[in-house]
């Protein structure tokens, strides 16, 4: 429970994210030849950032923003699928999932930073 409280602070969550990125970067360098070229370190961050956003908002504001983030993420996915279907006339799964995951990377990083900034001020 104390670990949960530590990651509920902005310092603890930043330490966890930086440590996670450093470990993955080190692992990527060690497995250089076996690491897929298309897989980036940032692709592993969204689940961690969603969890930390939930913990930070719960500790900082007394309520969680995670359900709203997931709902908005689903709406972005639906809009993206409709856009691809309308523009191309079909939905190519590989292209769609690659695009939606890159959008998810940016989306989760932005919301994590927003929650951190709100907690600081």
Protein backbone atom coordinates (compact mmCIF):
# COMPACT_ATOMS: atom_id res chain seq x y z
CA UNK A 1 0.00 0.00 0.00
CA UNK A 2 2.90 2.38 0.66
CA UNK A 3 4.20 1.73 -2.86
CA UNK A 4 0.77 2.71 -4.24
CA UNK A 5 0.93 5.91 -2.19
CA UNK A 6 4.45 6.67 -3.45
CA UNK A 7 3.36 6.35 -7.09
CA UNK A 8 0.38 8.56 -6.25
CA UNK A 9 2.80 11.47 -5.94
CA UNK A 10 4.09 13.29 -8.98
CA UNK A 11 7.71 12.53 -8.06
CA UNK A 12 7.08 8.81 -7.70
CA UNK A 13 5.23 8.58 -10.99
CA UNK A 14 7.96 10.45 -12.87
CA UNK A 15 10.60 8.15 -11.34
CA UNK A 16 8.57 5.11 -12.43
CA UNK A 17 8.12 6.37 -16.01
CA UNK A 18 11.78 7.35 -16.40
CA UNK A 19 12.92 4.03 -14.90
CA UNK A 20 10.57 2.10 -17.19
CA UNK A 21 11.86 3.96 -20.26
CA UNK A 22 15.49 3.45 -19.23
CA UNK A 23 14.99 -0.29 -18.67
CA UNK A 24 13.25 -0.69 -22.02
CA UNK A 25 15.94 1.34 -23.79
CA UNK A 26 18.63 -0.84 -22.22
CA UNK A 27 16.72 -3.97 -23.21
CA UNK A 28 16.38 -2.64 -26.76
CA UNK A 29 20.15 -2.09 -26.96
CA UNK A 30 20.91 -5.54 -25.58
CA UNK A 31 18.49 -7.23 -27.99
CA UNK A 32 19.51 -5.03 -30.90
CA UNK A 33 19.37 -7.73 -33.59
CA UNK A 34 16.29 -9.43 -32.16
CA UNK A 35 14.28 -6.27 -31.39
CA UNK A 36 11.69 -5.54 -34.11
CA UNK A 37 12.50 -2.37 -36.08
CA UNK A 38 8.89 -1.19 -35.99
CA UNK A 39 8.59 -1.47 -32.20
CA UNK A 40 9.54 1.67 -30.29
CA UNK A 41 9.98 2.17 -26.55
CA UNK A 42 7.13 4.69 -26.51
CA UNK A 43 4.75 1.95 -27.69
CA UNK A 44 4.96 0.33 -24.24
CA UNK A 45 4.00 3.50 -22.36
CA UNK A 46 0.18 3.85 -22.80
CA UNK A 47 -0.88 1.12 -20.32
CA UNK A 48 1.57 2.42 -17.71
CA UNK A 49 0.55 6.04 -18.29
CA UNK A 50 -3.14 5.16 -18.04
CA UNK A 51 -2.52 3.41 -14.72
CA UNK A 52 -0.43 6.30 -13.39
CA UNK A 53 -3.00 8.85 -14.58
CA UNK A 54 -5.64 6.90 -12.68
CA UNK A 55 -3.53 6.75 -9.51
CA UNK A 56 -2.44 10.40 -9.69
CA UNK A 57 -5.94 11.72 -10.30
CA UNK A 58 -7.36 9.53 -7.55
CA UNK A 59 -4.79 10.71 -5.01
CA UNK A 60 -4.70 14.31 -6.17
CA UNK A 61 -8.35 15.08 -6.90
CA UNK A 62 -10.25 12.34 -5.10
CA UNK A 63 -11.72 10.98 -8.33
CA UNK A 64 -10.31 9.18 -11.31
CA UNK A 65 -10.27 10.42 -14.89
CA UNK A 66 -9.42 6.99 -16.35
CA UNK A 67 -12.99 6.10 -17.45
CA UNK A 68 -13.27 9.39 -19.32
CA UNK A 69 -9.89 8.84 -20.96
CA UNK A 70 -10.90 5.36 -22.08
CA UNK A 71 -14.25 6.61 -23.40
CA UNK A 72 -12.57 9.40 -25.38
CA UNK A 73 -9.97 6.92 -26.65
CA UNK A 74 -12.74 4.62 -27.89
CA UNK A 75 -14.45 7.53 -29.64
CA UNK A 76 -11.16 8.45 -31.30
CA UNK A 77 -10.85 4.85 -32.48
CA UNK A 78 -14.38 4.83 -33.89
CA UNK A 79 -13.81 8.16 -35.64
CA UNK A 80 -10.54 6.89 -37.06
CA UNK A 81 -12.17 3.69 -38.33
CA UNK A 82 -15.00 5.64 -39.95
CA UNK A 83 -12.50 8.02 -41.54
CA UNK A 84 -10.49 5.15 -43.04
CA UNK A 85 -13.65 3.38 -44.23
CA UNK A 86 -15.00 6.53 -45.86
CA UNK A 87 -11.71 7.64 -47.41
CA UNK A 88 -10.40 4.28 -48.63
CA UNK A 89 -13.68 2.42 -49.01
CA UNK A 90 -12.36 -0.34 -46.75
CA UNK A 91 -10.73 -0.78 -43.38
CA UNK A 92 -7.27 -2.31 -43.51
CA UNK A 93 -6.61 -3.64 -40.02
CA UNK A 94 -2.82 -3.34 -40.02
CA UNK A 95 -2.94 0.30 -41.11
CA UNK A 96 -5.76 1.12 -38.69
CA UNK A 97 -4.17 -0.48 -35.63
CA UNK A 98 -0.79 1.07 -36.33
CA UNK A 99 -2.38 4.51 -36.64
CA UNK A 100 -4.59 4.14 -33.57
CA UNK A 101 -1.66 2.96 -31.44
CA UNK A 102 0.46 5.95 -32.48
CA UNK A 103 -2.48 8.23 -31.64
CA UNK A 104 -2.76 6.42 -28.30
CA UNK A 105 0.92 7.08 -27.57
CA UNK A 106 0.46 10.81 -28.08
CA UNK A 107 -2.95 10.89 -26.34
CA UNK A 108 -1.76 9.17 -23.15
CA UNK A 109 1.44 11.21 -22.91
CA UNK A 110 -0.53 14.46 -23.23
CA UNK A 111 -3.07 13.47 -20.58
CA UNK A 112 -0.38 12.24 -18.21
CA UNK A 113 1.40 15.58 -18.54
CA UNK A 114 -1.87 17.49 -18.02
CA UNK A 115 -2.55 15.60 -14.78
CA UNK A 116 1.03 16.19 -13.60
CA UNK A 117 0.77 19.93 -14.31
CA UNK A 118 -2.58 20.16 -12.53
CA UNK A 119 -1.11 18.42 -9.49
CA UNK A 120 1.84 20.79 -9.37
CA UNK A 121 -0.34 23.90 -9.33
